[in-house]
N, C-alpha and C. Protein backbone atom coordinates (compact mmCIF):
# COMPACT_ATOMS: atom_id res chain seq x y z
N MET A 1 2.52 -49.00 -59.68
CA MET A 1 3.85 -48.70 -60.18
C MET A 1 4.71 -49.97 -60.21
N CYS A 2 4.71 -50.70 -59.13
CA CYS A 2 5.48 -51.95 -59.09
C CYS A 2 4.51 -53.11 -59.28
N ASP A 3 4.76 -53.89 -60.28
CA ASP A 3 3.89 -55.02 -60.58
C ASP A 3 4.60 -56.30 -60.15
N ASP A 4 4.12 -56.90 -59.06
CA ASP A 4 4.75 -58.11 -58.53
C ASP A 4 4.55 -59.32 -59.40
N SER A 5 3.61 -59.27 -60.32
CA SER A 5 3.36 -60.44 -61.15
C SER A 5 4.46 -60.67 -62.17
N GLN A 6 5.25 -59.65 -62.46
CA GLN A 6 6.31 -59.79 -63.46
C GLN A 6 7.66 -60.13 -62.86
N ILE A 7 7.74 -60.26 -61.55
CA ILE A 7 8.99 -60.63 -60.90
C ILE A 7 9.18 -62.13 -61.04
N ARG A 8 10.34 -62.52 -61.50
CA ARG A 8 10.63 -63.95 -61.65
C ARG A 8 10.86 -64.56 -60.28
N ARG A 9 10.12 -65.61 -60.00
CA ARG A 9 10.25 -66.29 -58.71
C ARG A 9 11.40 -67.30 -58.73
N ASP A 10 11.78 -67.76 -59.93
CA ASP A 10 12.82 -68.77 -60.01
C ASP A 10 14.22 -68.17 -60.13
N ALA A 11 14.32 -66.84 -60.20
CA ALA A 11 15.63 -66.20 -60.32
C ALA A 11 16.36 -66.30 -58.98
N PRO A 12 17.66 -66.57 -59.03
CA PRO A 12 18.41 -66.67 -57.78
C PRO A 12 18.55 -65.29 -57.13
N ARG A 13 18.34 -65.23 -55.83
CA ARG A 13 18.45 -63.98 -55.09
C ARG A 13 19.90 -63.67 -54.73
N VAL A 14 20.67 -64.70 -54.53
CA VAL A 14 22.06 -64.55 -54.13
C VAL A 14 22.94 -64.93 -55.32
N PRO A 15 23.81 -64.02 -55.77
CA PRO A 15 24.70 -64.40 -56.90
C PRO A 15 25.67 -65.48 -56.47
N ARG A 16 25.91 -66.43 -57.34
CA ARG A 16 26.80 -67.54 -57.04
C ARG A 16 28.07 -67.43 -57.87
N VAL A 17 29.18 -67.75 -57.25
CA VAL A 17 30.46 -67.75 -57.94
C VAL A 17 30.52 -68.99 -58.83
N GLN A 18 30.91 -68.82 -60.08
CA GLN A 18 30.97 -69.92 -61.04
C GLN A 18 32.34 -70.58 -61.00
N TRP A 19 32.59 -71.34 -59.94
CA TRP A 19 33.88 -71.99 -59.77
C TRP A 19 34.13 -73.03 -60.86
N SER A 20 33.08 -73.69 -61.32
CA SER A 20 33.26 -74.74 -62.32
C SER A 20 33.81 -74.16 -63.63
N ARG A 21 33.41 -72.95 -63.96
CA ARG A 21 33.96 -72.32 -65.17
C ARG A 21 35.44 -72.02 -65.02
N LEU A 22 35.83 -71.56 -63.84
CA LEU A 22 37.25 -71.28 -63.61
C LEU A 22 38.06 -72.57 -63.71
N TYR A 23 37.57 -73.65 -63.11
CA TYR A 23 38.28 -74.92 -63.19
C TYR A 23 38.31 -75.44 -64.63
N GLY A 24 37.24 -75.24 -65.37
CA GLY A 24 37.23 -75.64 -66.79
C GLY A 24 38.26 -74.87 -67.59
N ILE A 25 38.38 -73.58 -67.33
CA ILE A 25 39.39 -72.75 -68.01
C ILE A 25 40.79 -73.30 -67.71
N LEU A 26 41.04 -73.59 -66.44
CA LEU A 26 42.37 -74.07 -66.06
C LEU A 26 42.68 -75.44 -66.64
N VAL A 27 41.68 -76.31 -66.73
CA VAL A 27 41.91 -77.63 -67.32
C VAL A 27 42.24 -77.51 -68.80
N VAL A 28 41.49 -76.66 -69.52
CA VAL A 28 41.75 -76.47 -70.95
C VAL A 28 43.14 -75.89 -71.18
N MET A 29 43.51 -74.91 -70.39
CA MET A 29 44.83 -74.29 -70.55
C MET A 29 45.95 -75.24 -70.16
N ALA A 30 45.74 -76.06 -69.14
CA ALA A 30 46.76 -77.04 -68.77
C ALA A 30 46.93 -78.06 -69.89
N GLY A 31 45.82 -78.47 -70.51
CA GLY A 31 45.91 -79.37 -71.66
C GLY A 31 46.65 -78.74 -72.82
N ALA A 32 46.43 -77.44 -73.04
CA ALA A 32 47.15 -76.75 -74.11
C ALA A 32 48.65 -76.70 -73.81
N LEU A 33 49.01 -76.41 -72.58
CA LEU A 33 50.44 -76.40 -72.21
C LEU A 33 51.05 -77.78 -72.34
N MET A 34 50.30 -78.81 -71.96
CA MET A 34 50.83 -80.16 -72.08
C MET A 34 51.03 -80.55 -73.55
N SER A 35 50.11 -80.15 -74.41
CA SER A 35 50.27 -80.47 -75.83
C SER A 35 51.44 -79.71 -76.43
N VAL A 36 51.73 -78.51 -75.94
CA VAL A 36 52.90 -77.77 -76.42
C VAL A 36 54.17 -78.50 -76.01
N GLU A 37 54.20 -79.00 -74.78
CA GLU A 37 55.39 -79.71 -74.31
C GLU A 37 55.62 -81.00 -75.09
N ILE A 38 54.54 -81.64 -75.50
CA ILE A 38 54.67 -82.92 -76.20
C ILE A 38 54.94 -82.73 -77.68
N ALA A 39 54.19 -81.84 -78.33
CA ALA A 39 54.20 -81.78 -79.78
C ALA A 39 54.98 -80.62 -80.38
N ALA A 40 55.25 -79.59 -79.63
CA ALA A 40 55.90 -78.41 -80.21
C ALA A 40 57.40 -78.65 -80.39
N PRO A 41 57.97 -78.06 -81.42
CA PRO A 41 59.41 -78.20 -81.62
C PRO A 41 60.19 -77.45 -80.53
N ALA A 42 61.36 -77.97 -80.22
CA ALA A 42 62.18 -77.33 -79.20
C ALA A 42 62.72 -76.01 -79.71
N GLY A 43 63.03 -75.12 -78.78
CA GLY A 43 63.63 -73.85 -79.16
C GLY A 43 62.70 -72.67 -78.93
N ALA A 44 62.83 -71.70 -79.81
CA ALA A 44 62.10 -70.44 -79.66
C ALA A 44 60.59 -70.62 -79.86
N ALA A 45 60.20 -71.52 -80.74
CA ALA A 45 58.77 -71.73 -80.99
C ALA A 45 58.06 -72.24 -79.74
N ARG A 46 58.69 -73.15 -79.03
CA ARG A 46 58.09 -73.67 -77.80
C ARG A 46 57.99 -72.57 -76.74
N ALA A 47 59.00 -71.75 -76.63
CA ALA A 47 58.97 -70.66 -75.65
C ALA A 47 57.88 -69.65 -75.98
N VAL A 48 57.71 -69.34 -77.25
CA VAL A 48 56.66 -68.40 -77.66
C VAL A 48 55.28 -68.99 -77.37
N LEU A 49 55.10 -70.28 -77.67
CA LEU A 49 53.81 -70.92 -77.38
C LEU A 49 53.52 -70.97 -75.89
N ARG A 50 54.52 -71.27 -75.09
CA ARG A 50 54.34 -71.27 -73.64
C ARG A 50 53.92 -69.89 -73.13
N GLY A 51 54.62 -68.88 -73.60
CA GLY A 51 54.29 -67.51 -73.18
C GLY A 51 52.91 -67.08 -73.63
N GLY A 52 52.54 -67.44 -74.85
CA GLY A 52 51.21 -67.09 -75.35
C GLY A 52 50.11 -67.76 -74.56
N ILE A 53 50.30 -69.02 -74.24
CA ILE A 53 49.30 -69.74 -73.45
C ILE A 53 49.22 -69.17 -72.04
N ALA A 54 50.37 -68.84 -71.46
CA ALA A 54 50.37 -68.25 -70.11
C ALA A 54 49.62 -66.91 -70.11
N LEU A 55 49.84 -66.09 -71.12
CA LEU A 55 49.11 -64.81 -71.22
C LEU A 55 47.62 -65.06 -71.41
N ALA A 56 47.27 -66.06 -72.20
CA ALA A 56 45.86 -66.38 -72.40
C ALA A 56 45.21 -66.85 -71.10
N VAL A 57 45.96 -67.61 -70.28
CA VAL A 57 45.44 -68.07 -68.99
C VAL A 57 45.12 -66.87 -68.11
N PHE A 58 46.06 -65.94 -68.00
CA PHE A 58 45.85 -64.79 -67.13
C PHE A 58 44.74 -63.88 -67.66
N ALA A 59 44.65 -63.70 -68.95
CA ALA A 59 43.59 -62.88 -69.52
C ALA A 59 42.22 -63.52 -69.29
N THR A 60 42.13 -64.82 -69.46
CA THR A 60 40.87 -65.51 -69.26
C THR A 60 40.46 -65.49 -67.79
N MET A 61 41.42 -65.66 -66.90
CA MET A 61 41.11 -65.57 -65.47
C MET A 61 40.66 -64.16 -65.08
N ALA A 62 41.25 -63.15 -65.69
CA ALA A 62 40.82 -61.78 -65.42
C ALA A 62 39.39 -61.56 -65.90
N LEU A 63 39.04 -62.11 -67.04
CA LEU A 63 37.66 -62.01 -67.52
C LEU A 63 36.70 -62.76 -66.60
N TRP A 64 37.11 -63.92 -66.11
CA TRP A 64 36.27 -64.67 -65.18
C TRP A 64 36.07 -63.87 -63.89
N LEU A 65 37.14 -63.27 -63.41
CA LEU A 65 37.06 -62.48 -62.19
C LEU A 65 36.13 -61.29 -62.37
N ARG A 66 36.19 -60.66 -63.53
CA ARG A 66 35.30 -59.53 -63.82
C ARG A 66 33.84 -59.98 -63.89
N ALA A 67 33.60 -61.13 -64.45
CA ALA A 67 32.23 -61.64 -64.57
C ALA A 67 31.66 -62.07 -63.21
N ASN A 68 32.51 -62.45 -62.28
CA ASN A 68 32.06 -62.95 -60.98
C ASN A 68 32.35 -61.99 -59.83
N ARG A 69 32.64 -60.74 -60.12
CA ARG A 69 33.03 -59.82 -59.04
C ARG A 69 31.89 -59.55 -58.06
N ALA A 70 30.65 -59.48 -58.53
CA ALA A 70 29.53 -59.25 -57.62
C ALA A 70 29.33 -60.44 -56.69
N ALA A 71 29.43 -61.63 -57.24
CA ALA A 71 29.25 -62.83 -56.42
C ALA A 71 30.39 -62.98 -55.42
N LEU A 72 31.60 -62.66 -55.81
CA LEU A 72 32.73 -62.73 -54.88
C LEU A 72 32.59 -61.70 -53.77
N ASP A 73 32.12 -60.50 -54.11
CA ASP A 73 31.91 -59.47 -53.10
C ASP A 73 30.79 -59.89 -52.15
N TYR A 74 29.73 -60.45 -52.68
CA TYR A 74 28.61 -60.88 -51.86
C TYR A 74 29.02 -62.02 -50.93
N ALA A 75 29.92 -62.87 -51.37
CA ALA A 75 30.36 -64.01 -50.56
C ALA A 75 31.13 -63.54 -49.32
N ASP A 76 31.74 -62.36 -49.37
CA ASP A 76 32.50 -61.85 -48.23
C ASP A 76 31.63 -61.21 -47.16
N TRP A 77 30.36 -60.98 -47.43
CA TRP A 77 29.48 -60.30 -46.48
C TRP A 77 28.93 -61.31 -45.48
N CYS A 78 28.81 -60.86 -44.24
CA CYS A 78 28.18 -61.71 -43.23
C CYS A 78 26.67 -61.44 -43.21
N ASP A 79 25.93 -62.24 -42.46
CA ASP A 79 24.47 -62.10 -42.42
C ASP A 79 24.03 -60.80 -41.73
N CYS A 80 24.84 -60.28 -40.84
CA CYS A 80 24.45 -59.08 -40.09
C CYS A 80 24.92 -57.79 -40.77
N ALA A 81 25.47 -57.87 -41.97
CA ALA A 81 26.01 -56.69 -42.62
C ALA A 81 24.95 -55.65 -42.94
N ALA A 82 23.73 -56.07 -43.23
CA ALA A 82 22.67 -55.12 -43.59
C ALA A 82 22.34 -54.19 -42.43
N GLU A 83 22.43 -54.67 -41.18
CA GLU A 83 22.14 -53.80 -40.04
C GLU A 83 23.31 -52.89 -39.69
N ARG A 84 24.51 -53.26 -40.07
CA ARG A 84 25.69 -52.50 -39.65
C ARG A 84 26.20 -51.50 -40.68
N ILE A 85 25.73 -51.59 -41.89
CA ILE A 85 26.26 -50.72 -42.93
C ILE A 85 25.59 -49.35 -42.84
N THR A 86 26.38 -48.32 -43.09
CA THR A 86 25.88 -46.95 -43.10
C THR A 86 26.19 -46.36 -44.47
N VAL A 87 25.18 -45.78 -45.08
CA VAL A 87 25.35 -45.16 -46.38
C VAL A 87 25.26 -43.66 -46.19
N ARG A 88 26.26 -42.97 -46.64
CA ARG A 88 26.29 -41.51 -46.52
C ARG A 88 26.09 -40.92 -47.90
N VAL A 89 25.09 -40.07 -48.04
CA VAL A 89 24.79 -39.43 -49.31
C VAL A 89 25.27 -38.00 -49.24
N ILE A 90 26.15 -37.64 -50.15
CA ILE A 90 26.70 -36.28 -50.19
C ILE A 90 26.14 -35.60 -51.42
N PRO A 91 25.38 -34.52 -51.22
CA PRO A 91 24.81 -33.84 -52.38
C PRO A 91 25.90 -33.13 -53.18
N SER A 92 25.64 -32.98 -54.44
CA SER A 92 26.59 -32.33 -55.32
C SER A 92 26.58 -30.83 -55.08
N SER A 93 27.75 -30.21 -55.11
CA SER A 93 27.83 -28.77 -54.94
C SER A 93 28.03 -28.05 -56.27
N ARG A 94 27.87 -28.78 -57.35
CA ARG A 94 28.03 -28.20 -58.67
C ARG A 94 26.83 -27.31 -58.98
N PRO A 95 27.07 -26.08 -59.42
CA PRO A 95 25.93 -25.18 -59.69
C PRO A 95 25.19 -25.59 -60.96
N GLU A 96 23.93 -25.21 -61.00
CA GLU A 96 23.11 -25.47 -62.18
C GLU A 96 23.59 -24.60 -63.33
N LEU A 97 23.51 -25.11 -64.54
CA LEU A 97 23.91 -24.35 -65.71
C LEU A 97 22.82 -23.36 -66.08
N ASP A 98 23.22 -22.13 -66.37
CA ASP A 98 22.28 -21.12 -66.84
C ASP A 98 22.32 -21.11 -68.36
N VAL A 99 21.37 -21.76 -68.95
CA VAL A 99 21.30 -21.84 -70.40
C VAL A 99 20.34 -20.76 -70.89
N PRO A 100 20.83 -19.86 -71.75
CA PRO A 100 19.92 -18.81 -72.23
C PRO A 100 18.86 -19.42 -73.14
N PRO A 101 17.67 -18.86 -73.11
CA PRO A 101 16.62 -19.40 -73.98
C PRO A 101 16.94 -19.14 -75.45
N LEU A 102 16.50 -20.05 -76.29
CA LEU A 102 16.72 -19.89 -77.72
C LEU A 102 15.78 -18.82 -78.27
N PRO A 103 16.29 -18.02 -79.21
CA PRO A 103 15.41 -16.98 -79.77
C PRO A 103 14.31 -17.62 -80.61
N GLN A 104 13.15 -17.04 -80.52
CA GLN A 104 12.01 -17.52 -81.29
C GLN A 104 12.07 -16.90 -82.68
N GLU A 105 12.56 -17.62 -83.64
CA GLU A 105 12.68 -17.11 -85.00
C GLU A 105 11.52 -17.62 -85.84
N GLU A 106 11.01 -16.75 -86.65
CA GLU A 106 9.96 -17.17 -87.56
C GLU A 106 10.61 -17.73 -88.82
N PRO A 107 10.00 -18.73 -89.41
CA PRO A 107 10.59 -19.28 -90.64
C PRO A 107 10.53 -18.25 -91.76
N GLU A 108 11.56 -18.29 -92.55
CA GLU A 108 11.67 -17.33 -93.66
C GLU A 108 10.67 -17.70 -94.76
N ARG A 109 9.95 -16.70 -95.23
CA ARG A 109 8.98 -16.92 -96.30
C ARG A 109 9.69 -16.86 -97.64
N VAL A 110 9.49 -17.86 -98.46
CA VAL A 110 10.11 -17.92 -99.78
C VAL A 110 9.00 -17.78 -100.81
N THR A 111 9.22 -16.84 -101.72
CA THR A 111 8.21 -16.64 -102.77
C THR A 111 8.38 -17.71 -103.83
N GLU A 112 7.39 -17.85 -104.63
CA GLU A 112 7.41 -18.85 -105.70
C GLU A 112 8.54 -18.57 -106.68
N ARG A 113 8.79 -17.28 -106.99
CA ARG A 113 9.84 -16.90 -107.95
C ARG A 113 11.22 -17.27 -107.39
N GLU A 114 11.45 -16.99 -106.12
CA GLU A 114 12.74 -17.35 -105.51
C GLU A 114 12.94 -18.87 -105.49
N ARG A 115 11.89 -19.58 -105.25
CA ARG A 115 11.98 -21.04 -105.24
C ARG A 115 12.35 -21.55 -106.62
N GLU A 116 11.78 -20.99 -107.65
CA GLU A 116 12.09 -21.39 -109.04
C GLU A 116 13.57 -21.12 -109.36
N LEU A 117 14.09 -19.99 -108.88
CA LEU A 117 15.48 -19.65 -109.15
C LEU A 117 16.44 -20.63 -108.46
N VAL A 118 16.10 -21.02 -107.26
CA VAL A 118 16.97 -21.94 -106.53
C VAL A 118 16.94 -23.34 -107.16
N LEU A 119 15.79 -23.78 -107.58
CA LEU A 119 15.67 -25.14 -108.11
C LEU A 119 16.24 -25.27 -109.52
N THR A 120 16.42 -24.19 -110.24
CA THR A 120 16.97 -24.30 -111.59
C THR A 120 18.43 -23.99 -111.66
């Protein structure tokens, strides 16, 4: 049932947090904010660009956090957590559905004459 030959030996066993991607996101967004401060016209356009970039920063960080949530959760666990954790399984109390059986219908026999009438 389980074939050990197909298990990848080079796959990482422990998920790693991709900090370099987060820092890359922040560097790109800081560069975008700096270019707005230098090149954007003063007034409402600059304020709109600042707000848009700030929203993009928070949205991108939220996506990064979602992509790395397993690794961040795993990083909080200590080595002895496997012996101390207790898993409680609660069975469902939902009743089984009583589905009535479908009637066994025979297909309707169509005569050659009826078929000719329908097709014309």
